[in-house]
């Protein structure tokens, strides 16, 4: 039941059963009292009295519910509507008493039970009204309790539905933002590589051609991976390997790549295109011509439920503050933003100069695993 909402047939059936139970309970009380006091009247007299009382109340219930719907009890009109319901209970009591009297007269006549005497009606109205007032008040309180419960339940359901929609929209927005960030990485890498190929073309055509082939393989691999925001560490290392193939064509015999990752961590989930921009930055911001060998070490290990990734080089390091580094280029600032979108405050990204070694980028992520078998990855040195 709900304000301004019709009561279903099923609900009316339940109310009828409830009225029947009330009538039978009252009959049981009256009949037991008669037996205890030695009253020899047959049991069907109190049965008729109590059942006509219960069913008369049932027949008048729609009028009570209409009045409650029309004049609901609320803070704004409490006094006025309480007075209306007091008057309504008197009207209800009058008609309830009249219905009981004439229904009993009819039944007595129908079954030849003699004359039904209801007594002096002046006192009968007053006597019956005490019970009728309690019944009217119970209906009023019960109805408002049900309406209050249903209203709160519907409000909670709507709130939960709105929260779910908000969460879905937030997730969709996050996915759109991540897609935009990921889309930003590929052109960034592509432009850098094309610039290198353009420069190399005047120095070494064969090397430039080799780089174009490697670039084509890299882009094909990127397309095959689709729009996944997270991939296995093994797949991410394939990206890095493909990128390093391009760089090795540009700087033959200059790059020394060390991968130190346990086999059981290769199924760990990481953001796609996470390590490649870090390796790219290591190469881009150092002059490889100054070294016989430029070494990049990629490591991964587990600390409890955290995955620790690091990219360490033997370059010159950085002189600017970490904040400035993030603001200067697309690669690192993009990674920082994507990590925040994917993990919130459950990640860390640190950049640190290592004494007499070079620069290390350290990333800490929640450890997530996928169930798949991966082959051991070999980095071409």
Protein backbone atom coordinates (compact mmCIF):
# COMPACT_ATOMS: atom_id res chain seq x y z
CA UNK A 1 0.00 0.00 0.00
CA UNK A 2 1.18 3.45 -0.83
CA UNK A 3 -0.39 6.88 -0.78
CA UNK A 4 -2.49 7.41 -3.90
CA UNK A 5 -1.72 3.87 -5.06
CA UNK A 6 -4.68 1.44 -5.40
CA UNK A 7 -4.66 -1.62 -3.16
CA UNK A 8 -4.32 -4.81 -5.16
CA UNK A 9 -6.77 -7.71 -5.03
CA UNK A 10 -4.11 -9.79 -3.29
CA UNK A 11 -3.73 -7.14 -0.59
CA UNK A 12 -7.50 -6.95 -0.11
CA UNK A 13 -7.58 -10.75 0.22
CA UNK A 14 -4.92 -10.57 2.93
CA UNK A 15 -6.87 -7.86 4.75
CA UNK A 16 -10.04 -9.99 4.55
CA UNK A 17 -8.18 -12.95 6.04
CA UNK A 18 -6.84 -10.67 8.79
CA UNK A 19 -10.40 -9.44 9.54
CA UNK A 20 -11.59 -13.05 9.69
CA UNK A 21 -8.84 -13.96 12.15
CA UNK A 22 -9.69 -10.95 14.35
CA UNK A 23 -13.38 -11.97 14.33
CA UNK A 24 -12.56 -15.56 15.26
CA UNK A 25 -10.22 -14.47 18.04
CA UNK A 26 -12.88 -12.20 19.50
CA UNK A 27 -15.44 -15.00 19.21
CA UNK A 28 -13.06 -17.33 21.02
CA UNK A 29 -12.67 -14.83 23.86
CA UNK A 30 -16.42 -14.18 24.21
CA UNK A 31 -17.40 -17.84 23.92
CA UNK A 32 -14.80 -18.90 26.46
CA UNK A 33 -16.07 -16.22 28.83
CA UNK A 34 -19.65 -17.49 28.37
CA UNK A 35 -18.58 -21.05 29.11
CA UNK A 36 -16.66 -19.94 32.17
CA UNK A 37 -19.67 -18.01 33.52
CA UNK A 38 -22.11 -20.82 32.78
CA UNK A 39 -24.00 -18.99 30.02
CA UNK A 40 -26.00 -21.63 28.14
CA UNK A 41 -26.52 -19.57 24.95
CA UNK A 42 -25.41 -21.52 21.83
CA UNK A 43 -21.96 -20.69 20.45
CA UNK A 44 -23.34 -19.36 17.15
CA UNK A 45 -24.70 -16.21 18.78
CA UNK A 46 -21.29 -14.80 19.77
CA UNK A 47 -19.95 -16.13 16.46
CA UNK A 48 -22.51 -13.99 14.55
CA UNK A 49 -21.85 -10.95 16.74
CA UNK A 50 -18.06 -10.98 16.39
CA UNK A 51 -17.90 -11.93 12.71
CA UNK A 52 -20.42 -9.24 11.72
CA UNK A 53 -18.33 -6.76 13.71
CA UNK A 54 -15.13 -7.80 11.91
CA UNK A 55 -16.65 -7.90 8.42
CA UNK A 56 -18.49 -4.57 8.92
CA UNK A 57 -15.12 -3.01 9.74
CA UNK A 58 -13.68 -4.63 6.60
CA UNK A 59 -16.48 -3.17 4.43
CA UNK A 60 -15.86 0.34 5.81
CA UNK A 61 -12.05 0.11 5.48
CA UNK A 62 -11.95 1.67 1.96
CA UNK A 63 -13.58 4.80 3.39
CA UNK A 64 -10.93 5.03 6.13
CA UNK A 65 -8.11 4.57 3.61
CA UNK A 66 -9.61 7.20 1.31
CA UNK A 67 -9.74 9.65 4.21
CA UNK A 68 -6.14 8.86 5.20
CA UNK A 69 -4.97 9.37 1.61
CA UNK A 70 -6.96 12.58 1.29
CA UNK A 71 -5.72 14.01 4.59
CA UNK A 72 -2.33 12.45 5.39
CA UNK A 73 -0.71 13.19 8.74
CA UNK A 74 2.38 15.36 8.33
CA UNK A 75 4.13 18.11 10.24
CA UNK A 76 2.71 20.95 8.15
CA UNK A 77 -0.96 20.11 8.84
CA UNK A 78 -0.78 17.97 11.96
CA UNK A 79 -3.47 19.71 14.08
CA UNK A 80 -5.94 20.23 11.21
CA UNK A 81 -5.73 16.69 9.85
CA UNK A 82 -5.80 15.08 13.30
CA UNK A 83 -9.08 16.91 13.92
CA UNK A 84 -10.40 15.67 10.55
CA UNK A 85 -9.48 12.10 11.44
CA UNK A 86 -11.11 12.43 14.85
CA UNK A 87 -14.32 13.44 13.08
CA UNK A 88 -13.74 10.62 10.60
CA UNK A 89 -13.47 8.08 13.42
CA UNK A 90 -16.84 9.25 14.79
CA UNK A 91 -18.47 8.89 11.36
CA UNK A 92 -16.82 5.49 10.95
CA UNK A 93 -18.07 4.44 14.39
CA UNK A 94 -21.63 5.48 13.59
CA UNK A 95 -21.81 3.52 10.33
CA UNK A 96 -19.98 0.54 11.80
CA UNK A 97 -22.50 0.26 14.61
CA UNK A 98 -25.42 0.63 12.18
CA UNK A 99 -23.95 -2.05 9.89
CA UNK A 100 -23.47 -4.46 12.77
CA UNK A 101 -27.04 -3.97 13.99
CA UNK A 102 -28.80 -4.47 10.68
CA UNK A 103 -26.52 -7.30 9.49
CA UNK A 104 -27.28 -9.19 12.71
CA UNK A 105 -31.02 -8.54 12.38
CA UNK A 106 -30.80 -9.89 8.81
CA UNK A 107 -28.88 -13.03 9.84
CA UNK A 108 -31.19 -13.71 12.78
CA UNK A 109 -34.16 -13.45 10.45
CA UNK A 110 -32.47 -15.55 7.74
CA UNK A 111 -31.78 -18.44 10.11
CA UNK A 112 -34.96 -18.00 12.23
CA UNK A 113 -33.01 -17.20 15.37
CA UNK A 114 -35.64 -14.87 16.75
CA UNK A 115 -35.47 -11.14 17.39
CA UNK A 116 -32.09 -9.45 17.72
CA UNK A 117 -32.04 -6.84 20.44
CA UNK A 118 -29.04 -4.45 20.29
CA UNK A 119 -30.23 -2.50 23.32
CA UNK A 120 -30.50 1.28 23.75
CA UNK A 121 -28.67 2.71 20.71
CA UNK A 122 -27.65 5.88 22.56
CA UNK A 123 -25.41 3.87 24.84
CA UNK A 124 -24.56 1.29 22.19
CA UNK A 125 -22.97 3.98 19.95
CA UNK A 126 -20.87 5.22 22.86
CA UNK A 127 -19.86 1.72 24.00
CA UNK A 128 -18.86 0.56 20.52
CA UNK A 129 -17.00 3.81 19.74
CA UNK A 130 -14.30 3.06 22.31
CA UNK A 131 -13.26 -0.02 20.32
CA UNK A 132 -13.88 1.71 16.98
CA UNK A 133 -11.64 4.64 17.91
CA UNK A 134 -8.82 2.22 18.78
CA UNK A 135 -9.36 0.33 15.50
CA UNK A 136 -9.40 3.55 13.45
CA UNK A 137 -6.19 4.73 15.18
CA UNK A 138 -4.48 1.37 14.53
CA UNK A 139 -5.41 1.56 10.83
CA UNK A 140 -4.15 5.15 10.66
CA UNK A 141 -0.82 4.36 12.36
CA UNK A 142 -0.31 1.08 10.46
CA UNK A 143 -1.04 2.69 7.11
CA UNK A 144 1.36 5.60 7.72
CA UNK A 145 4.03 3.17 8.96
CA UNK A 146 3.73 1.11 5.77
CA UNK A 147 3.81 4.25 3.60
CA UNK A 148 6.84 5.54 5.52
CA UNK A 149 8.64 2.19 5.13
CA UNK A 150 7.85 1.92 1.42
CA UNK A 151 8.81 5.55 0.78
CA UNK A 152 12.15 5.06 2.52
CA UNK A 153 12.71 1.78 0.69
CA UNK A 154 11.96 3.39 -2.67
CA UNK A 155 14.21 6.30 -1.77
CA UNK A 156 17.01 3.91 -0.85
CA UNK A 157 16.52 1.98 -4.08
CA UNK A 158 16.56 5.20 -6.10
CA UNK A 159 19.62 6.40 -4.20
CA UNK A 160 21.36 3.08 -4.84
CA UNK A 161 20.32 3.24 -8.50
CA UNK A 162 21.63 6.80 -8.81
CA UNK A 163 24.87 5.83 -7.09
CA UNK A 164 25.22 2.87 -9.46
CA UNK A 165 24.58 5.11 -12.49
CA UNK A 166 27.02 7.68 -11.13
CA UNK A 167 29.60 4.94 -10.60
CA UNK A 168 29.02 3.63 -14.13
CA UNK A 169 29.29 7.13 -15.59
CA UNK A 170 32.43 7.75 -13.55
CA UNK A 171 33.87 4.46 -14.80
CA UNK A 172 32.93 5.36 -18.39
CA UNK A 173 34.52 8.78 -17.96
CA UNK A 174 37.64 7.18 -16.53
CA UNK A 175 37.80 4.77 -19.48
CA UNK A 176 37.39 7.66 -21.93
CA UNK A 177 40.14 9.60 -20.16
CA UNK A 178 42.40 6.56 -20.14
CA UNK A 179 41.74 5.95 -23.81
CA UNK A 180 42.59 9.57 -24.55
CA UNK A 181 45.81 9.30 -22.55
CA UNK A 182 46.74 6.02 -24.20
CA UNK A 183 45.98 7.49 -27.62
CA UNK A 184 48.34 10.32 -26.70
CA UNK A 185 51.21 7.92 -26.06
CA UNK A 186 51.21 6.25 -29.47
CA UNK A 187 51.43 9.48 -31.53
CA UNK A 188 54.09 10.77 -29.13
CA UNK A 189 56.21 7.67 -29.69
CA UNK A 190 55.39 7.61 -33.41
CA UNK A 191 56.47 11.21 -34.01
CA UNK A 192 59.75 10.64 -32.17
CA UNK A 193 60.50 7.50 -34.16
CA UNK A 194 59.61 9.10 -37.51
CA UNK A 195 61.89 12.03 -36.69
CA UNK A 196 64.73 9.60 -35.99
CA UNK A 197 64.05 7.75 -39.24
CA UNK A 198 63.97 11.05 -41.13
CA UNK A 199 67.34 12.06 -39.68
CA UNK A 200 68.87 8.64 -40.24
CA UNK A 201 67.73 8.46 -43.87
CA UNK A 202 70.48 10.86 -44.96
CA UNK A 203 73.14 8.95 -43.05
CA UNK A 204 72.24 5.29 -43.46
CA UNK A 205 69.39 4.34 -45.81
CA UNK A 206 69.55 0.66 -44.93
CA UNK A 207 69.32 1.40 -41.20
CA UNK A 208 66.40 3.77 -41.82
CA UNK A 209 64.63 1.10 -43.86
CA UNK A 210 65.21 -1.44 -41.09
CA UNK A 211 63.74 0.96 -38.57
CA UNK A 212 60.62 1.41 -40.74
CA UNK A 213 60.11 -2.37 -40.80
CA UNK A 214 60.52 -2.56 -37.01
CA UNK A 215 58.14 0.38 -36.58
CA UNK A 216 55.56 -1.40 -38.73
CA UNK A 217 55.84 -4.50 -36.52
CA UNK A 218 55.46 -2.38 -33.39
CA UNK A 219 52.32 -0.63 -34.68
CA UNK A 220 50.82 -3.97 -35.73
CA UNK A 221 51.42 -5.34 -32.24
CA UNK A 222 49.79 -2.23 -30.75
CA UNK A 223 46.69 -2.72 -32.89
CA UNK A 224 46.48 -6.41 -32.00
CA UNK A 225 46.41 -5.59 -28.31
CA UNK A 226 43.28 -3.48 -28.82
CA UNK A 227 42.03 -1.03 -26.21
CA UNK A 228 42.98 -2.98 -23.09
CA UNK A 229 44.02 -0.66 -20.30
CA UNK A 230 45.83 -3.45 -18.45
CA UNK A 231 47.87 -6.26 -19.93
CA UNK A 232 50.25 -8.88 -18.56
CA UNK A 233 53.79 -7.87 -17.73
CA UNK A 234 54.88 -10.39 -20.35
CA UNK A 235 52.89 -8.56 -23.04
CA UNK A 236 54.26 -5.22 -21.88
CA UNK A 237 57.79 -6.58 -22.22
CA UNK A 238 56.93 -7.58 -25.79
CA UNK A 239 56.12 -3.92 -26.45
CA UNK A 240 59.45 -2.91 -24.95
CA UNK A 241 61.29 -5.55 -26.99
CA UNK A 242 59.61 -4.35 -30.18
CA UNK A 243 60.56 -0.76 -29.40
CA UNK A 244 64.15 -1.75 -28.60
CA UNK A 245 64.38 -3.52 -31.95
CA UNK A 246 63.74 -0.13 -33.53
CA UNK A 247 66.37 1.55 -31.35
CA UNK A 248 68.90 -1.19 -32.05
CA UNK A 249 68.51 -0.49 -35.74
CA UNK A 250 69.31 3.15 -34.99
CA UNK A 251 72.14 2.47 -32.52
CA UNK A 252 73.66 -0.92 -33.36
CA UNK A 253 75.99 -2.35 -30.68
CA UNK A 254 75.24 0.59 -28.37
CA UNK A 255 72.36 -0.74 -26.25
CA UNK A 256 72.74 -3.25 -23.47
CA UNK A 257 69.37 -4.36 -22.10
CA UNK A 258 69.04 -6.37 -18.89
CA UNK A 259 65.68 -7.83 -17.85
CA UNK A 260 65.44 -9.13 -14.30
CA UNK A 261 61.88 -10.38 -13.84
CA UNK A 262 60.84 -13.62 -12.17
CA UNK A 263 58.79 -15.97 -14.35
CA UNK A 264 55.92 -16.01 -11.82
CA UNK A 265 55.52 -12.23 -12.22
CA UNK A 266 55.09 -12.25 -15.97
CA UNK A 267 51.33 -12.78 -15.52
CA UNK A 268 51.04 -9.70 -13.31
CA UNK A 269 48.75 -7.03 -14.73
CA UNK A 270 50.25 -3.65 -15.54
CA UNK A 271 48.96 -0.63 -17.48
CA UNK A 272 49.64 -1.08 -21.17
CA UNK A 273 52.43 1.09 -22.61
CA UNK A 274 53.86 1.65 -19.13
CA UNK A 275 57.48 0.59 -19.52
CA UNK A 276 58.02 1.58 -23.16
CA UNK A 277 57.79 5.37 -22.53
CA UNK A 278 60.22 5.00 -19.60
CA UNK A 279 62.74 3.15 -21.75
CA UNK A 280 62.18 5.70 -24.52
CA UNK A 281 62.92 8.55 -22.10
CA UNK A 282 66.11 6.81 -20.94
CA UNK A 283 67.38 6.70 -24.51
CA UNK A 284 66.02 10.08 -25.60
CA UNK A 285 67.55 12.13 -22.76
CA UNK A 286 71.04 10.67 -23.04
CA UNK A 287 73.73 10.95 -25.69
CA UNK A 288 74.47 7.39 -26.68
CA UNK A 289 77.49 8.48 -28.69
CA UNK A 290 79.31 9.26 -25.42
CA UNK A 291 79.23 5.66 -24.27
CA UNK A 292 80.54 2.44 -25.63
CA UNK A 293 77.54 0.72 -24.11
CA UNK A 294 74.33 2.34 -22.84
CA UNK A 295 72.81 0.01 -20.28
CA UNK A 296 69.11 -0.14 -19.34
CA UNK A 297 67.98 -2.51 -16.60
CA UNK A 298 64.30 -3.45 -16.26
CA UNK A 299 63.40 -5.11 -12.98
CA UNK A 300 60.27 -6.40 -11.29
CA UNK A 301 59.82 -7.96 -7.88
CA UNK A 302 57.09 -8.55 -5.35
CA UNK A 303 56.78 -7.01 -1.91
CA UNK A 304 53.80 -8.63 -0.15
CA UNK A 305 50.79 -7.58 -2.30
CA UNK A 306 52.71 -4.92 -4.24
CA UNK A 307 54.41 -5.14 -7.63
CA UNK A 308 57.60 -3.07 -7.80
CA UNK A 309 58.83 -2.10 -11.28
CA UNK A 310 61.99 -0.17 -12.04
CA UNK A 311 63.80 1.13 -15.11
CA UNK A 312 67.43 1.99 -14.37
CA UNK A 313 69.93 3.45 -16.83
CA UNK A 314 73.60 4.42 -16.66
CA UNK A 315 73.04 7.88 -18.12
CA UNK A 316 73.73 11.32 -16.71
CA UNK A 317 70.60 11.46 -14.54
CA UNK A 318 68.49 14.57 -14.06
CA UNK A 319 69.16 17.99 -12.60
CA UNK A 320 65.60 19.30 -12.44
CA UNK A 321 63.15 18.53 -9.68
CA UNK A 322 60.82 15.56 -10.20
CA UNK A 323 57.79 17.88 -10.49
CA UNK A 324 59.40 19.75 -13.31
CA UNK A 325 60.18 16.49 -15.10
CA UNK A 326 56.50 15.58 -15.08
CA UNK A 327 55.59 18.97 -16.53
CA UNK A 328 58.17 18.93 -19.30
CA UNK A 329 57.20 15.92 -21.39
CA UNK A 330 54.20 13.92 -22.48
CA UNK A 331 55.61 10.54 -21.46
CA UNK A 332 56.11 10.82 -17.69
CA UNK A 333 53.20 13.18 -17.03
CA UNK A 334 50.97 10.86 -19.03
CA UNK A 335 52.09 7.83 -17.01
CA UNK A 336 51.49 9.67 -13.75
CA UNK A 337 47.96 10.64 -14.82
CA UNK A 338 47.09 7.12 -16.02
CA UNK A 339 48.35 5.55 -12.79
CA UNK A 340 46.21 7.94 -10.77
CA UNK A 341 43.16 7.12 -12.91
CA UNK A 342 43.68 3.36 -12.60
CA UNK A 343 44.88 3.03 -9.00
CA UNK A 344 44.00 6.25 -7.18
CA UNK A 345 46.29 6.57 -4.15
CA UNK A 346 47.36 2.92 -4.31
CA UNK A 347 50.43 3.58 -6.45
CA UNK A 348 53.78 5.31 -6.24
CA UNK A 349 56.05 6.75 -8.91
CA UNK A 350 59.50 7.97 -7.93
CA UNK A 351 62.39 9.32 -10.00
CA UNK A 352 65.81 9.24 -8.39
CA UNK A 353 69.40 9.81 -9.42
CA UNK A 354 71.54 6.83 -8.39
CA UNK A 355 75.08 7.71 -7.34
CA UNK A 356 77.58 6.91 -10.11
CA UNK A 357 74.96 4.80 -11.88
CA UNK A 358 72.34 6.94 -13.59
CA UNK A 359 68.60 7.48 -13.28
CA UNK A 360 66.02 5.09 -11.82
CA UNK A 361 62.25 5.30 -12.27
CA UNK A 362 60.50 3.24 -9.61
CA UNK A 363 56.80 2.31 -9.83
CA UNK A 364 54.77 0.56 -7.13
CA UNK A 365 51.39 -0.98 -8.03
CA UNK A 366 48.85 -3.30 -6.40
CA UNK A 367 49.67 -6.86 -7.45
CA UNK A 368 47.06 -8.28 -9.82
CA UNK A 369 47.45 -11.52 -11.74
CA UNK A 370 45.85 -13.10 -14.79
CA UNK A 371 45.59 -16.84 -15.33
CA UNK A 372 47.53 -17.60 -18.44
CA UNK A 373 50.71 -19.43 -19.44
CA UNK A 374 53.43 -17.25 -20.87
CA UNK A 375 56.62 -18.18 -22.64
CA UNK A 376 59.93 -16.96 -21.34
CA UNK A 377 60.70 -13.64 -23.03
CA UNK A 378 64.15 -13.05 -24.43
CA UNK A 379 65.42 -9.52 -25.06
CA UNK A 380 67.70 -9.30 -28.05
CA UNK A 381 70.91 -7.70 -26.92
